[in-house]
Amino acid sequence: MDNLIYILFICLVSPLAFMLLMLRQRSRLLAGYMLIGIFISLFVSELNTVLLGWFGNDVLYVTTTITPISEEILKALPILFYAIVFSDDRERVMPIAFALGVGFAMFENMVVLVQNVENVTIGWSIIRGFATALMHAVCTVMVGYGICFVKKKKKLFYCGTFALLALAMIYHGIFNMLVQSDYSYLGFFLPSVTYIPLLIMHFRYYKSKRKA
């Protein structure tokens, strides 16, 4: 099974890497951050296996308490790096944050698929695509959105960055807890309900900036 995961990784990353060489500027940045998300997802899949063993294979505990912390920290680091080193312009940071989250979710879906290939259904794919995958993207976008503000406030930078990471972890943990409970339908709708306001704010910001 481990070999199959690496085979999927190679098949997915290779054409994207070739495409990256043909792209320019912003398109290359978006594709690059999607690739970073895929690399992080591969690393996290191995890390989560180790963590699951450490905590006695308690899937509910690990997925609601441990993996939200490890995954959100690792996903946030490339976004924080870009905002600190290159640009904290929200128009640049939010798209790359979303691209990273999408890349992470795409590969995670593939890993879960090959691990449960005999049990997956069309309904499973809809849930993974419109709920779990969107949740990962929303978490990275929230961090990207917030870092654009706290980066400009030196006194708030460290505590603000910690608060953003904590927000993403808590959101991720709540989602995982809901989808494994009797209220799973609330978990399925949570990412969409959160994504719509973020999308509206992003388009309003972009529109106002173009007018200015």
Foldseek 3Di string as FASTA:
>chain_A
DLVVLVVVLCVVVVVLVVVLVVDDDLVNLLSVLLNLLQVLLNVLVVVLVVVCVVVVVPVLCCQQPPSLLVSLVSLQVVLLVCCQPPHLPLLRSLSSLLSSLLSNLVSNVVVVCVVPVVPDDPVNVCLSVQFVSLLSSLLSNQLSVQQSPLVVPVVCVPVSNVVSSVVSSNSSSVLSNCCPDPNNVCSSCVSVVSVVVVVVVNVVVVVVVVVD
